[in-house]
Each structure stands twice: as C-alpha cells, then as structure tokens.
C-alpha cells in the first residue's frame, strides 16, 4: 500500500482567526508565553546540562546500523 500525499495548499489564518487564537493562548494558565526577559536568559542545553546527560541526549535518534547489509550483485 502506497501512502497518499496531501497536496492541498496551506490556508493562512485571517486576522480575526489569528486574534482569536492569540487570545486563547494568552488565557492558558498552564503555558504562559515567555517574556523577552525570559527569552534573553535562556542558554543552550550544552551550557547548562551535565556533559554526560547532554551527550546521551545528542547521541539518540536514528535507526541502528544493520549487522547484515544487502550488496548489489556485480
């Protein structure tokens, strides 16, 4: 079964929809928007995490290498 690809164009929000969305975001007490001061205090993970934890997080991801790989016949 081949996956289908959705090729519909992206619909941008109208100004009214954007304003309504931003108002709902502002009302969420569990996830307040970061202030410019808070954003200015942020540092990269490599500067604030212990080196072993940072290395463990960076080394993750991707598929493990296969022990046996197929080779094209010549």
PDB file of N, CA and C in Angstrom:
ATOM      1  N   UNK A   1       0.845  -1.177   0.000  1.00  0.00           N
ATOM      2  CA  UNK A   1       0.000   0.000   0.000  1.00  0.00           C
ATOM      3  C   UNK A   1       0.893   1.243   0.000  1.00  0.00           C
ATOM      4  N   UNK A   2       0.701   2.108  -0.954  1.00  0.00           N
ATOM      5  CA  UNK A   2       1.495   3.339  -1.014  1.00  0.00           C
ATOM      6  C   UNK A   2       0.788   4.435  -0.228  1.00  0.00           C
ATOM      7  N   UNK A   3       1.551   5.218   0.525  1.00  0.00           N
ATOM      8  CA  UNK A   3       0.927   6.297   1.292  1.00  0.00           C
ATOM      9  C   UNK A   3       0.430   7.398   0.355  1.00  0.00           C
ATOM     10  N   UNK A   4      -0.632   8.036   0.758  1.00  0.00           N
ATOM     11  CA  UNK A   4      -1.142   9.146  -0.033  1.00  0.00           C
ATOM     12  C   UNK A   4      -0.537  10.438   0.493  1.00  0.00           C
ATOM     13  N   UNK A   5      -0.321  11.363  -0.390  1.00  0.00           N
ATOM     14  CA  UNK A   5       0.263  12.641  -0.029  1.00  0.00           C
ATOM     15  C   UNK A   5      -0.808  13.709  -0.168  1.00  0.00           C
ATOM     16  N   UNK A   6      -0.973  14.477   0.890  1.00  0.00           N
ATOM     17  CA  UNK A   6      -1.956  15.555   0.872  1.00  0.00           C
ATOM     18  C   UNK A   6      -1.334  16.763   0.188  1.00  0.00           C
ATOM     19  N   UNK A   7      -1.826  17.120  -0.950  1.00  0.00           N
ATOM     20  CA  UNK A   7      -1.252  18.224  -1.718  1.00  0.00           C
ATOM     21  C   UNK A   7      -2.128  19.472  -1.715  1.00  0.00           C
ATOM     22  N   UNK A   8      -2.999  19.568  -0.723  1.00  0.00           N
ATOM     23  CA  UNK A   8      -3.828  20.769  -0.638  1.00  0.00           C
ATOM     24  C   UNK A   8      -2.968  21.961  -0.232  1.00  0.00           C
ATOM     25  N   UNK A   9      -3.239  23.137  -0.766  1.00  0.00           N
ATOM     26  CA  UNK A   9      -2.439  24.309  -0.378  1.00  0.00           C
ATOM     27  C   UNK A   9      -2.688  24.677   1.084  1.00  0.00           C
ATOM     28  N   UNK A  10      -1.688  25.264   1.693  1.00  0.00           N
ATOM     29  CA  UNK A  10      -1.793  25.708   3.084  1.00  0.00           C
ATOM     30  C   UNK A  10      -2.714  26.928   3.132  1.00  0.00           C
ATOM     31  N   UNK A  11      -3.630  26.898   4.090  1.00  0.00           N
ATOM     32  CA  UNK A  11      -4.536  28.034   4.255  1.00  0.00           C
ATOM     33  C   UNK A  11      -4.030  28.878   5.408  1.00  0.00           C
ATOM     34  N   UNK A  12      -3.780  30.139   5.144  1.00  0.00           N
ATOM     35  CA  UNK A  12      -3.316  31.046   6.185  1.00  0.00           C
ATOM     36  C   UNK A  12      -4.507  31.555   6.988  1.00  0.00           C
ATOM     37  N   UNK A  13      -4.259  31.870   8.259  1.00  0.00           N
ATOM     38  CA  UNK A  13      -5.316  32.382   9.120  1.00  0.00           C
ATOM     39  C   UNK A  13      -5.669  33.812   8.738  1.00  0.00           C
ATOM     40  N   UNK A  14      -6.940  34.127   8.878  1.00  0.00           N
ATOM     41  CA  UNK A  14      -7.349  35.516   8.684  1.00  0.00           C
ATOM     42  C   UNK A  14      -6.922  36.297   9.928  1.00  0.00           C
ATOM     43  N   UNK A  15      -6.953  37.607   9.872  1.00  0.00           N
ATOM     44  CA  UNK A  15      -6.584  38.431  11.031  1.00  0.00           C
ATOM     45  C   UNK A  15      -7.494  38.128  12.216  1.00  0.00           C
ATOM     46  N   UNK A  16      -8.777  37.906  11.938  1.00  0.00           N
ATOM     47  CA  UNK A  16      -9.728  37.606  13.003  1.00  0.00           C
ATOM     48  C   UNK A  16      -9.417  36.250  13.645  1.00  0.00           C
ATOM     49  N   UNK A  17      -9.120  35.254  12.837  1.00  0.00           N
ATOM     50  CA  UNK A  17      -8.766  33.938  13.364  1.00  0.00           C
ATOM     51  C   UNK A  17      -7.480  33.995  14.185  1.00  0.00           C
ATOM     52  N   UNK A  18      -6.497  34.739  13.695  1.00  0.00           N
ATOM     53  CA  UNK A  18      -5.231  34.886  14.408  1.00  0.00           C
ATOM     54  C   UNK A  18      -5.439  35.573  15.750  1.00  0.00           C
ATOM     55  N   UNK A  19      -6.256  36.624  15.784  1.00  0.00           N
ATOM     56  CA  UNK A  19      -6.530  37.343  17.030  1.00  0.00           C
ATOM     57  C   UNK A  19      -7.238  36.433  18.022  1.00  0.00           C
ATOM     58  N   UNK A  20      -8.193  35.644  17.537  1.00  0.00           N
ATOM     59  CA  UNK A  20      -8.921  34.724  18.401  1.00  0.00           C
ATOM     60  C   UNK A  20      -7.971  33.653  18.963  1.00  0.00           C
ATOM     61  N   UNK A  21      -7.091  33.140  18.134  1.00  0.00           N
ATOM     62  CA  UNK A  21      -6.121  32.143  18.564  1.00  0.00           C
ATOM     63  C   UNK A  21      -5.161  32.717  19.600  1.00  0.00           C
ATOM     64  N   UNK A  22      -4.638  33.915  19.349  1.00  0.00           N
ATOM     65  CA  UNK A  22      -3.722  34.550  20.292  1.00  0.00           C
ATOM     66  C   UNK A  22      -4.393  34.832  21.633  1.00  0.00           C
ATOM     67  N   UNK A  23      -5.677  35.197  21.610  1.00  0.00           N
ATOM     68  CA  UNK A  23      -6.416  35.445  22.851  1.00  0.00           C
ATOM     69  C   UNK A  23      -6.558  34.160  23.655  1.00  0.00           C
ATOM     70  N   UNK A  24      -6.814  33.049  22.980  1.00  0.00           N
ATOM     71  CA  UNK A  24      -6.934  31.769  23.680  1.00  0.00           C
ATOM     72  C   UNK A  24      -5.592  31.335  24.245  1.00  0.00           C
ATOM     73  N   UNK A  25      -4.507  31.577  23.519  1.00  0.00           N
ATOM     74  CA  UNK A  25      -3.169  31.250  24.023  1.00  0.00           C
ATOM     75  C   UNK A  25      -2.876  32.058  25.282  1.00  0.00           C
ATOM     76  N   UNK A  26      -3.220  33.344  25.275  1.00  0.00           N
ATOM     77  CA  UNK A  26      -2.953  34.228  26.418  1.00  0.00           C
ATOM     78  C   UNK A  26      -3.740  33.807  27.656  1.00  0.00           C
ATOM     79  N   UNK A  27      -4.885  33.157  27.481  1.00  0.00           N
ATOM     80  CA  UNK A  27      -5.728  32.747  28.610  1.00  0.00           C
ATOM     81  C   UNK A  27      -5.291  31.428  29.239  1.00  0.00           C
ATOM     82  N   UNK A  28      -4.340  30.737  28.651  1.00  0.00           N
ATOM     83  CA  UNK A  28      -3.915  29.429  29.152  1.00  0.00           C
ATOM     84  C   UNK A  28      -2.992  29.605  30.353  1.00  0.00           C
ATOM     85  N   UNK A  29      -3.458  29.292  31.576  1.00  0.00           N
ATOM     86  CA  UNK A  29      -2.627  29.493  32.765  1.00  0.00           C
ATOM     87  C   UNK A  29      -1.493  28.472  32.887  1.00  0.00           C
ATOM     88  N   UNK A  30      -1.615  27.345  32.208  1.00  0.00           N
ATOM     89  CA  UNK A  30      -0.599  26.301  32.326  1.00  0.00           C
ATOM     90  C   UNK A  30       0.594  26.516  31.417  1.00  0.00           C
ATOM     91  N   UNK A  31       0.467  27.406  30.459  1.00  0.00           N
ATOM     92  CA  UNK A  31       1.540  27.594  29.493  1.00  0.00           C
ATOM     93  C   UNK A  31       1.657  29.074  29.112  1.00  0.00           C
ATOM     94  N   UNK A  32       2.139  29.901  30.041  1.00  0.00           N
ATOM     95  CA  UNK A  32       2.242  31.328  29.719  1.00  0.00           C
ATOM     96  C   UNK A  32       3.310  31.579  28.663  1.00  0.00           C
ATOM     97  N   UNK A  33       3.114  32.600  27.872  1.00  0.00           N
ATOM     98  CA  UNK A  33       4.078  32.958  26.837  1.00  0.00           C
ATOM     99  C   UNK A  33       5.335  33.540  27.492  1.00  0.00           C
ATOM    100  N   UNK A  34       6.487  33.153  27.001  1.00  0.00           N
ATOM    101  CA  UNK A  34       7.745  33.634  27.561  1.00  0.00           C
ATOM    102  C   UNK A  34       7.917  35.124  27.250  1.00  0.00           C
ATOM    103  N   UNK A  35       8.417  35.850  28.228  1.00  0.00           N
ATOM    104  CA  UNK A  35       8.658  37.282  28.033  1.00  0.00           C
ATOM    105  C   UNK A  35      10.013  37.471  27.358  1.00  0.00           C
ATOM    106  N   UNK A  36      10.271  38.671  26.867  1.00  0.00           N
ATOM    107  CA  UNK A  36      11.568  38.969  26.255  1.00  0.00           C
ATOM    108  C   UNK A  36      12.703  38.780  27.262  1.00  0.00           C
ATOM    109  N   UNK A  37      12.460  39.122  28.522  1.00  0.00           N
ATOM    110  CA  UNK A  37      13.486  38.953  29.558  1.00  0.00           C
ATOM    111  C   UNK A  37      13.793  37.471  29.772  1.00  0.00           C
ATOM    112  N   UNK A  38      12.743  36.641  29.804  1.00  0.00           N
ATOM    113  CA  UNK A  38      12.949  35.201  29.980  1.00  0.00           C
ATOM    114  C   UNK A  38      13.683  34.608  28.777  1.00  0.00           C
ATOM    115  N   UNK A  39      13.315  35.027  27.594  1.00  0.00           N
ATOM    116  CA  UNK A  39      13.989  34.533  26.396  1.00  0.00           C
ATOM    117  C   UNK A  39      15.460  34.941  26.384  1.00  0.00           C
ATOM    118  N   UNK A  40      15.752  36.141  26.900  1.00  0.00           N
ATOM    119  CA  UNK A  40      17.129  36.614  26.964  1.00  0.00           C
ATOM    120  C   UNK A  40      17.992  35.837  27.941  1.00  0.00           C
ATOM    121  N   UNK A  41      17.368  35.209  28.941  1.00  0.00           N
ATOM    122  CA  UNK A  41      18.104  34.433  29.937  1.00  0.00           C
ATOM    123  C   UNK A  41      18.355  32.994  29.500  1.00  0.00           C
ATOM    124  N   UNK A  42      17.719  32.548  28.444  1.00  0.00           N
ATOM    125  CA  UNK A  42      17.873  31.156  28.006  1.00  0.00           C
ATOM    126  C   UNK A  42      19.274  30.895  27.474  1.00  0.00           C
ATOM    127  N   UNK A  43      19.770  29.686  27.751  1.00  0.00           N
ATOM    128  CA  UNK A  43      21.093  29.263  27.309  1.00  0.00           C
ATOM    129  C   UNK A  43      20.965  27.938  26.577  1.00  0.00           C
ATOM    130  N   UNK A  44      21.897  27.636  25.691  1.00  0.00           N
ATOM    131  CA  UNK A  44      21.868  26.344  25.002  1.00  0.00           C
ATOM    132  C   UNK A  44      22.003  25.186  26.001  1.00  0.00           C
ATOM    133  N   UNK A  45      21.412  24.063  25.667  1.00  0.00           N
ATOM    134  CA  UNK A  45      21.442  22.894  26.553  1.00  0.00           C
ATOM    135  C   UNK A  45      22.870  22.478  26.874  1.00  0.00           C
ATOM    136  N   UNK A  46      23.783  22.581  25.896  1.00  0.00           N
ATOM    137  CA  UNK A  46      25.160  22.141  26.147  1.00  0.00           C
ATOM    138  C   UNK A  46      25.844  22.971  27.233  1.00  0.00           C
ATOM    139  N   UNK A  47      25.330  24.183  27.499  1.00  0.00           N
ATOM    140  CA  UNK A  47      25.932  25.033  28.540  1.00  0.00           C
ATOM    141  C   UNK A  47      25.364  24.758  29.924  1.00  0.00           C
ATOM    142  N   UNK A  48      24.164  24.190  30.017  1.00  0.00           N
ATOM    143  CA  UNK A  48      23.519  24.063  31.328  1.00  0.00           C
ATOM    144  C   UNK A  48      23.342  22.624  31.804  1.00  0.00           C
ATOM    145  N   UNK A  49      23.387  21.655  30.903  1.00  0.00           N
ATOM    146  CA  UNK A  49      23.235  20.255  31.304  1.00  0.00           C
ATOM    147  C   UNK A  49      24.594  19.647  31.632  1.00  0.00           C
ATOM    148  N   UNK A  50      24.602  18.653  32.517  1.00  0.00           N
ATOM    149  CA  UNK A  50      25.854  17.928  32.760  1.00  0.00           C
ATOM    150  C   UNK A  50      26.320  17.285  31.445  1.00  0.00           C
ATOM    151  N   UNK A  51      27.625  17.252  31.208  1.00  0.00           N
ATOM    152  CA  UNK A  51      28.136  16.729  29.933  1.00  0.00           C
ATOM    153  C   UNK A  51      27.656  15.320  29.593  1.00  0.00           C
ATOM    154  N   UNK A  52      27.556  14.456  30.597  1.00  0.00           N
ATOM    155  CA  UNK A  52      27.122  13.074  30.302  1.00  0.00           C
ATOM    156  C   UNK A  52      25.660  13.038  29.867  1.00  0.00           C
ATOM    157  N   UNK A  53      24.819  13.836  30.481  1.00  0.00           N
ATOM    158  CA  UNK A  53      23.409  13.881  30.091  1.00  0.00           C
ATOM    159  C   UNK A  53      23.267  14.479  28.698  1.00  0.00           C
ATOM    160  N   UNK A  54      23.973  15.549  28.439  1.00  0.00           N
ATOM    161  CA  UNK A  54      23.906  16.176  27.115  1.00  0.00           C
ATOM    162  C   UNK A  54      24.369  15.204  26.032  1.00  0.00           C
ATOM    163  N   UNK A  55      25.459  14.486  26.281  1.00  0.00           N
ATOM    164  CA  UNK A  55      25.966  13.524  25.297  1.00  0.00           C
ATOM    165  C   UNK A  55      24.957  12.403  25.063  1.00  0.00           C
ATOM    166  N   UNK A  56      24.276  11.963  26.138  1.00  0.00           N
ATOM    167  CA  UNK A  56      23.283  10.894  25.993  1.00  0.00           C
ATOM    168  C   UNK A  56      22.091  11.368  25.167  1.00  0.00           C
ATOM    169  N   UNK A  57      21.702  12.613  25.335  1.00  0.00           N
ATOM    170  CA  UNK A  57      20.563  13.144  24.584  1.00  0.00           C
ATOM    171  C   UNK A  57      20.913  13.376  23.119  1.00  0.00           C
ATOM    172  N   UNK A  58      22.114  13.842  22.854  1.00  0.00           N
ATOM    173  CA  UNK A  58      22.537  14.135  21.488  1.00  0.00           C
ATOM    174  C   UNK A  58      22.754  12.848  20.704  1.00  0.00           C
ATOM    175  N   UNK A  59      23.258  11.805  21.357  1.00  0.00           N
ATOM    176  CA  UNK A  59      23.569  10.563  20.673  1.00  0.00           C
ATOM    177  C   UNK A  59      22.348   9.739  20.299  1.00  0.00           C
ATOM    178  N   UNK A  60      21.167  10.157  20.710  1.00  0.00           N
ATOM    179  CA  UNK A  60      19.965   9.382  20.441  1.00  0.00           C
ATOM    180  C   UNK A  60      19.428   9.687  19.049  1.00  0.00           C
ATOM    181  N   UNK A  61      18.574   8.813  18.601  1.00  0.00           N
ATOM    182  CA  UNK A  61      17.876   9.047  17.348  1.00  0.00           C
ATOM    183  C   UNK A  61      18.452   8.260  16.200  1.00  0.00           C
ATOM    184  N   UNK A  62      17.655   8.123  15.215  1.00  0.00           N
ATOM    185  CA  UNK A  62      18.088   7.385  14.044  1.00  0.00           C
ATOM    186  C   UNK A  62      17.927   5.887  14.213  1.00  0.00           C
ATOM    187  N   UNK A  63      18.050   5.196  13.139  1.00  0.00           N
ATOM    188  CA  UNK A  63      17.913   3.751  13.151  1.00  0.00           C
ATOM    189  C   UNK A  63      19.276   3.129  13.398  1.00  0.00           C
ATOM    190  N   UNK A  64      19.338   2.062  14.201  1.00  0.00           N
ATOM    191  CA  UNK A  64      20.632   1.419  14.429  1.00  0.00           C
ATOM    192  C   UNK A  64      21.178   0.824  13.139  1.00  0.00           C
ATOM    193  N   UNK A  65      22.483   0.763  13.029  1.00  0.00           N
ATOM    194  CA  UNK A  65      23.118   0.185  11.850  1.00  0.00           C
ATOM    195  C   UNK A  65      22.827  -1.311  11.794  1.00  0.00           C
ATOM    196  N   UNK A  66      22.538  -1.789  10.609  1.00  0.00           N
ATOM    197  CA  UNK A  66      22.251  -3.209  10.415  1.00  0.00           C
ATOM    198  C   UNK A  66      23.554  -4.007  10.457  1.00  0.00           C
ATOM    199  N   UNK A  67      23.484  -5.204  11.042  1.00  0.00           N
ATOM    200  CA  UNK A  67      24.664  -6.068  11.073  1.00  0.00           C
ATOM    201  C   UNK A  67      24.923  -6.648   9.686  1.00  0.00           C
ATOM    202  N   UNK A  68      23.866  -6.996   8.990  1.00  0.00           N
ATOM    203  CA  UNK A  68      23.990  -7.559   7.656  1.00  0.00           C
ATOM    204  C   UNK A  68      23.338  -6.581   6.689  1.00  0.00           C
ATOM    205  N   UNK A  69      24.078  -6.145   5.713  1.00  0.00           N
ATOM    206  CA  UNK A  69      23.517  -5.240   4.718  1.00  0.00           C
ATOM    207  C   UNK A  69      23.504  -5.904   3.358  1.00  0.00           C
ATOM    208  N   UNK A  70      22.563  -5.524   2.546  1.00  0.00           N
ATOM    209  CA  UNK A  70      22.491  -6.070   1.196  1.00  0.00           C
ATOM    210  C   UNK A  70      23.525  -5.360   0.329  1.00  0.00           C
ATOM    211  N   UNK A  71      24.115  -6.109  -0.573  1.00  0.00           N
ATOM    212  CA  UNK A  71      25.069  -5.528  -1.507  1.00  0.00           C
ATOM    213  C   UNK A  71      24.615  -5.852  -2.925  1.00  0.00           C
ATOM    214  N   UNK A  72      24.680  -4.880  -3.796  1.00  0.00           N
ATOM    215  CA  UNK A  72      24.272  -5.170  -5.164  1.00  0.00           C
ATOM    216  C   UNK A  72      25.237  -6.158  -5.817  1.00  0.00           C
ATOM    217  N   UNK A  73      24.661  -7.065  -6.624  1.00  0.00           N
ATOM    218  CA  UNK A  73      25.496  -8.044  -7.328  1.00  0.00           C
ATOM    219  C   UNK A  73      26.122  -7.395  -8.544  1.00  0.00           C
ATOM    220  N   UNK A  74      27.362  -7.706  -8.799  1.00  0.00           N
ATOM    221  CA  UNK A  74      28.048  -7.124  -9.949  1.00  0.00           C
ATOM    222  C   UNK A  74      28.014  -8.059 -11.121  1.00  0.00           C
TER     223      UNK A  74
END
